C-alpha atoms as a PDB file:
ATOM      1  CA  MET A   1      52.102-114.603-132.964  1.00  0.00           C
ATOM      2  CA  SER A   2      53.217-116.450-136.194  1.00  0.00           C
ATOM      3  CA  ASN A   3      55.206-114.111-138.332  1.00  0.00           C
ATOM      4  CA  LEU A   4      52.964-114.574-141.569  1.00  0.00           C
ATOM      5  CA  SER A   5      52.082-112.206-144.565  1.00  0.00           C
ATOM      6  CA  LEU A   6      49.668-112.568-147.554  1.00  0.00           C
ATOM      7  CA  ASN A   7      51.807-113.972-150.613  1.00  0.00           C
ATOM      8  CA  HIS A   8      49.465-113.788-153.463  1.00  0.00           C
ATOM      9  CA  PHE A   9      45.211-114.588-154.206  1.00  0.00           C
ATOM     10  CA  SER A  10      44.384-116.611-157.432  1.00  0.00           C
ATOM     11  CA  ILE A  11      41.693-116.477-159.562  1.00  0.00           C
ATOM     12  CA  ARG A  12      40.726-119.048-161.973  1.00  0.00           C
ATOM     13  CA  SER A  13      39.133-117.328-164.737  1.00  0.00           C
ATOM     14  CA  LEU A  14      37.197-118.106-167.737  1.00  0.00           C
ATOM     15  CA  GLU A  15      38.216-114.560-169.080  1.00  0.00           C
ATOM     16  CA  ILE A  16      41.843-114.684-168.582  1.00  0.00           C
ATOM     17  CA  GLU A  17      42.809-112.095-171.199  1.00  0.00           C
ATOM     18  CA  LYS A  18      40.442-109.263-169.715  1.00  0.00           C
ATOM     19  CA  THR A  19      41.089-110.484-166.446  1.00  0.00           C
ATOM     20  CA  THR A  20      45.335-109.496-167.360  1.00  0.00           C
ATOM     21  CA  GLU A  21      44.422-106.109-168.719  1.00  0.00           C
ATOM     22  CA  PHE A  22      42.096-105.104-166.065  1.00  0.00           C
ATOM     23  CA  TYR A  23      44.704-105.690-163.114  1.00  0.00           C
ATOM     24  CA  SER A  24      47.335-104.429-165.600  1.00  0.00           C
ATOM     25  CA  LYS A  25      45.662-101.038-166.416  1.00  0.00           C
ATOM     26  CA  LEU A  26      43.698-100.847-163.123  1.00  0.00           C
ATOM     27  CA  LEU A  27      46.617-101.349-160.312  1.00  0.00           C
ATOM     28  CA  GLY A  28      49.378-101.566-162.691  1.00  0.00           C
ATOM     29  CA  LEU A  29      50.320-104.763-161.828  1.00  0.00           C
ATOM     30  CA  THR A  30      52.952-105.966-164.747  1.00  0.00           C
ATOM     31  CA  VAL A  31      53.146-109.662-166.659  1.00  0.00           C
ATOM     32  CA  GLY A  32      56.038-111.549-165.297  1.00  0.00           C
ATOM     33  CA  PRO A  33      58.027-115.016-164.867  1.00  0.00           C
ATOM     34  CA  ARG A  34      55.506-118.171-164.053  1.00  0.00           C
ATOM     35  CA  PRO A  35      56.931-121.529-163.477  1.00  0.00           C
ATOM     36  CA  GLU A  36      55.373-124.037-165.869  1.00  0.00           C
ATOM     37  CA  PHE A  37      52.132-125.941-164.529  1.00  0.00           C
ATOM     38  CA  PRO A  38      50.184-128.367-166.234  1.00  0.00           C
ATOM     39  CA  PHE A  39      47.751-125.271-167.144  1.00  0.00           C
ATOM     40  CA  PRO A  40      47.352-122.104-169.025  1.00  0.00           C
ATOM     41  CA  GLY A  41      47.641-119.070-166.317  1.00  0.00           C
ATOM     42  CA  VAL A  42      49.677-115.104-165.966  1.00  0.00           C
ATOM     43  CA  TRP A  43      51.097-114.457-162.981  1.00  0.00           C
ATOM     44  CA  LEU A  44      51.039-110.546-162.519  1.00  0.00           C
ATOM     45  CA  TYR A  45      53.838-108.748-160.284  1.00  0.00           C
ATOM     46  CA  ASN A  46      53.861-105.385-158.472  1.00  0.00           C
ATOM     47  CA  GLY A  47      57.545-104.632-158.256  1.00  0.00           C
ATOM     48  CA  ASP A  48      60.541-106.506-159.589  1.00  0.00           C
ATOM     49  CA  GLU A  49      59.637-109.284-161.828  1.00  0.00           C
ATOM     50  CA  SER A  50      62.736-110.957-161.122  1.00  0.00           C
ATOM     51  CA  SER A  51      61.390-111.664-157.094  1.00  0.00           C
ATOM     52  CA  TRP A  52      58.743-114.442-156.913  1.00  0.00           C
ATOM     53  CA  ALA A  53      57.761-112.658-154.229  1.00  0.00           C
ATOM     54  CA  ASN A  54      56.079-109.963-155.835  1.00  0.00           C
ATOM     55  CA  ALA A  55      54.045-112.274-158.116  1.00  0.00           C
ATOM     56  CA  VAL A  56      50.468-110.796-155.888  1.00  0.00           C
ATOM     57  CA  LEU A  57      48.419-112.137-158.673  1.00  0.00           C
ATOM     58  CA  HIS A  58      48.152-115.709-160.114  1.00  0.00           C
ATOM     59  CA  LEU A  59      45.598-115.776-162.716  1.00  0.00           C
ATOM     60  CA  ILE A  60      44.450-119.470-163.436  1.00  0.00           C
ATOM     61  CA  ALA A  61      43.179-120.443-166.710  1.00  0.00           C
ATOM     62  CA  ILE A  62      41.112-123.129-167.773  1.00  0.00           C
ATOM     63  CA  ASP A  63      42.163-125.066-170.993  1.00  0.00           C
ATOM     64  CA  LYS A  64      38.897-126.485-172.581  1.00  0.00           C
ATOM     65  CA  ASN A  65      40.273-128.607-175.223  1.00  0.00           C
ATOM     66  CA  ASP A  66      42.715-129.921-172.688  1.00  0.00           C
ATOM     67  CA  PRO A  67      41.499-129.419-168.725  1.00  0.00           C
ATOM     68  CA  ASN A  68      43.184-132.324-167.386  1.00  0.00           C
ATOM     69  CA  GLY A  69      46.408-130.754-166.181  1.00  0.00           C
ATOM     70  CA  LEU A  70      44.329-128.277-163.957  1.00  0.00           C
ATOM     71  CA  LYS A  71      41.917-130.682-162.751  1.00  0.00           C
ATOM     72  CA  LYS A  72      45.057-133.381-161.763  1.00  0.00           C
ATOM     73  CA  TYR A  73      47.019-129.874-160.384  1.00  0.00           C
ATOM     74  CA  LEU A  74      44.353-128.001-158.579  1.00  0.00           C
ATOM     75  CA  GLY A  75      41.246-130.146-158.578  1.00  0.00           C
ATOM     76  CA  GLU A  76      38.112-129.628-160.353  1.00  0.00           C
ATOM     77  CA  ARG A  77      35.882-126.793-160.008  1.00  0.00           C
ATOM     78  CA  ASP A  78      32.289-126.267-161.891  1.00  0.00           C
ATOM     79  CA  PRO A  79      32.627-123.408-164.439  1.00  0.00           C
ATOM     80  CA  SER A  80      29.511-122.271-163.348  1.00  0.00           C
ATOM     81  CA  SER A  81      30.875-121.083-159.930  1.00  0.00           C
ATOM     82  CA  LEU A  82      33.814-118.951-161.385  1.00  0.00           C
ATOM     83  CA  HIS A  83      31.854-115.825-161.022  1.00  0.00           C
ATOM     84  CA  GLY A  84      31.846-113.716-158.258  1.00  0.00           C
ATOM     85  CA  SER A  85      33.560-113.953-155.057  1.00  0.00           C
ATOM     86  CA  GLY A  86      31.788-117.130-153.423  1.00  0.00           C
ATOM     87  CA  THR A  87      32.789-116.863-149.869  1.00  0.00           C
ATOM     88  CA  VAL A  88      35.458-113.859-149.923  1.00  0.00           C
ATOM     89  CA  ASP A  89      33.418-111.229-150.279  1.00  0.00           C
ATOM     90  CA  HIS A  90      36.379-108.836-151.526  1.00  0.00           C
ATOM     91  CA  ILE A  91      40.063-108.056-152.234  1.00  0.00           C
ATOM     92  CA  ALA A  92      41.447-104.838-150.676  1.00  0.00           C
ATOM     93  CA  PHE A  93      44.278-103.089-151.482  1.00  0.00           C
ATOM     94  CA  PHE A  94      46.264 -99.784-149.937  1.00  0.00           C
ATOM     95  CA  ALA A  95      46.809 -97.347-152.483  1.00  0.00           C
ATOM     96  CA  ASN A  96      47.654 -93.874-153.404  1.00  0.00           C
ATOM     97  CA  GLY A  97      47.108 -91.218-156.150  1.00  0.00           C
ATOM     98  CA  LEU A  98      42.946 -91.256-155.662  1.00  0.00           C
ATOM     99  CA  GLU A  99      42.571 -88.333-158.627  1.00  0.00           C
ATOM    100  CA  ASP A 100      44.640 -90.231-160.992  1.00  0.00           C
ATOM    101  CA  LYS A 101      42.558 -93.062-160.372  1.00  0.00           C
ATOM    102  CA  ILE A 102      38.860 -92.062-160.613  1.00  0.00           C
ATOM    103  CA  ALA A 103      40.322 -90.252-164.097  1.00  0.00           C
ATOM    104  CA  LEU A 104      41.564 -93.759-165.390  1.00  0.00           C
ATOM    105  CA  LEU A 105      38.025 -95.504-163.897  1.00  0.00           C
ATOM    106  CA  LYS A 106      35.982 -92.956-165.753  1.00  0.00           C
ATOM    107  CA  LYS A 107      38.239 -93.035-168.678  1.00  0.00           C
ATOM    108  CA  LEU A 108      38.057 -97.234-168.984  1.00  0.00           C
ATOM    109  CA  ASN A 109      34.202 -96.795-168.279  1.00  0.00           C
ATOM    110  CA  ILE A 110      34.437 -98.747-165.355  1.00  0.00           C
ATOM    111  CA  ALA A 111      31.738 -98.431-162.628  1.00  0.00           C
ATOM    112  CA  TYR A 112      32.389 -97.770-159.301  1.00  0.00           C
ATOM    113  CA  ARG A 113      31.594 -97.132-155.731  1.00  0.00           C
ATOM    114  CA  GLU A 114      32.863 -94.788-152.905  1.00  0.00           C
ATOM    115  CA  ARG A 115      32.742 -94.939-149.439  1.00  0.00           C
ATOM    116  CA  THR A 116      34.296 -92.842-146.426  1.00  0.00           C
ATOM    117  CA  VAL A 117      35.539 -94.518-143.091  1.00  0.00           C
ATOM    118  CA  PRO A 118      36.280 -91.544-141.101  1.00  0.00           C
ATOM    119  CA  VAL A 119      37.442 -92.975-137.847  1.00  0.00           C
ATOM    120  CA  ILE A 120      40.076 -94.272-139.606  1.00  0.00           C
ATOM    121  CA  GLY A 121      40.905 -91.846-142.265  1.00  0.00           C
ATOM    122  CA  LEU A 122      40.376 -94.338-145.054  1.00  0.00           C
ATOM    123  CA  HIS A 123      38.517 -93.354-148.442  1.00  0.00           C
ATOM    124  CA  GLN A 124      37.565 -96.546-150.469  1.00  0.00           C
ATOM    125  CA  ILE A 125      36.598 -97.142-154.209  1.00  0.00           C
ATOM    126  CA  PHE A 126      34.812-100.166-154.784  1.00  0.00           C
ATOM    127  CA  LEU A 127      34.670-102.013-158.425  1.00  0.00           C
ATOM    128  CA  ASP A 128      34.191-105.571-159.728  1.00  0.00           C
ATOM    129  CA  ASP A 129      36.982-107.116-161.991  1.00  0.00           C
ATOM    130  CA  PRO A 130      35.671-109.307-165.192  1.00  0.00           C
ATOM    131  CA  ASN A 131      35.093-112.317-163.041  1.00  0.00           C
ATOM    132  CA  GLY A 132      32.484-110.415-160.535  1.00  0.00           C
ATOM    133  CA  ILE A 133      35.114-110.233-157.820  1.00  0.00           C
ATOM    134  CA  VAL A 134      34.727-106.873-155.719  1.00  0.00           C
ATOM    135  CA  ILE A 135      38.004-105.117-155.578  1.00  0.00           C
ATOM    136  CA  GLU A 136      38.275-102.409-153.397  1.00  0.00           C
ATOM    137  CA  LEU A 137      41.012 -99.637-153.384  1.00  0.00           C
ATOM    138  CA  ASN A 138      41.474 -97.783-149.768  1.00  0.00           C
ATOM    139  CA  TYR A 139      43.250 -94.269-149.835  1.00  0.00           C
ATOM    140  CA  PRO A 140      43.797 -92.017-147.309  1.00  0.00           C
ATOM    141  CA  ALA A 141      40.742 -89.587-146.342  1.00  0.00           C
ATOM    142  CA  ALA A 142      42.797 -87.116-147.046  1.00  0.00           C
ATOM    143  CA  GLU A 143      43.362 -87.071-150.589  1.00  0.00           C
ATOM    144  CA  LYS A 144      39.327 -86.854-151.200  1.00  0.00           C
ATOM    145  CA  THR A 145      39.285 -83.850-148.929  1.00  0.00           C
ATOM    146  CA  ALA A 146      41.824 -82.028-151.002  1.00  0.00           C
ATOM    147  CA  LEU A 147      39.558 -83.602-154.157  1.00  0.00           C
ATOM    148  CA  ASP A 148      36.663 -82.450-153.025  1.00  0.00           C
ATOM    149  CA  ALA A 149      38.311 -78.947-152.317  1.00  0.00           C
ATOM    150  CA  LYS A 150      39.739 -78.676-155.453  1.00  0.00           C
ATOM    151  CA  ALA A 151      36.387 -79.638-157.155  1.00  0.00           C
ATOM    152  CA  ALA A 152      34.767 -77.107-154.885  1.00  0.00           C
ATOM    153  CA  GLN A 153      37.295 -73.984-156.043  1.00  0.00           C
ATOM    154  CA  GLY A 154      36.266 -74.552-159.742  1.00  0.00           C
END
């Protein structure tokens, strides 16, 4: 087996500001350095911004006044195809701090769905980003059990 790990994922977005805010507020990713490409964009980091390896999300913006830089670099995409996940069903993250995340989702008025997968000890939250991409946040099921016990106590 090869030594393989996920480097980053990219979202080509017509809503770059909303998307940056969404991932910054919801996941705590921070805006950091980005090479000078011939198109606008934002790189969001998980951890030390001095290491390119921590740029886990590359947001790609479309310059409506000059789309040629992006077209030449990454190829042309029909703007009507830039909503939802396409053939990618969802993007998932391991996380902790379920109670705080639910409070944040409620504060930001972001709709979400919850599921528990007992056999693997996982509690999941599903939500949509501003581009219609489904995001899955995976928490230890014990956090959900503790949260339910706390709610039962009153």
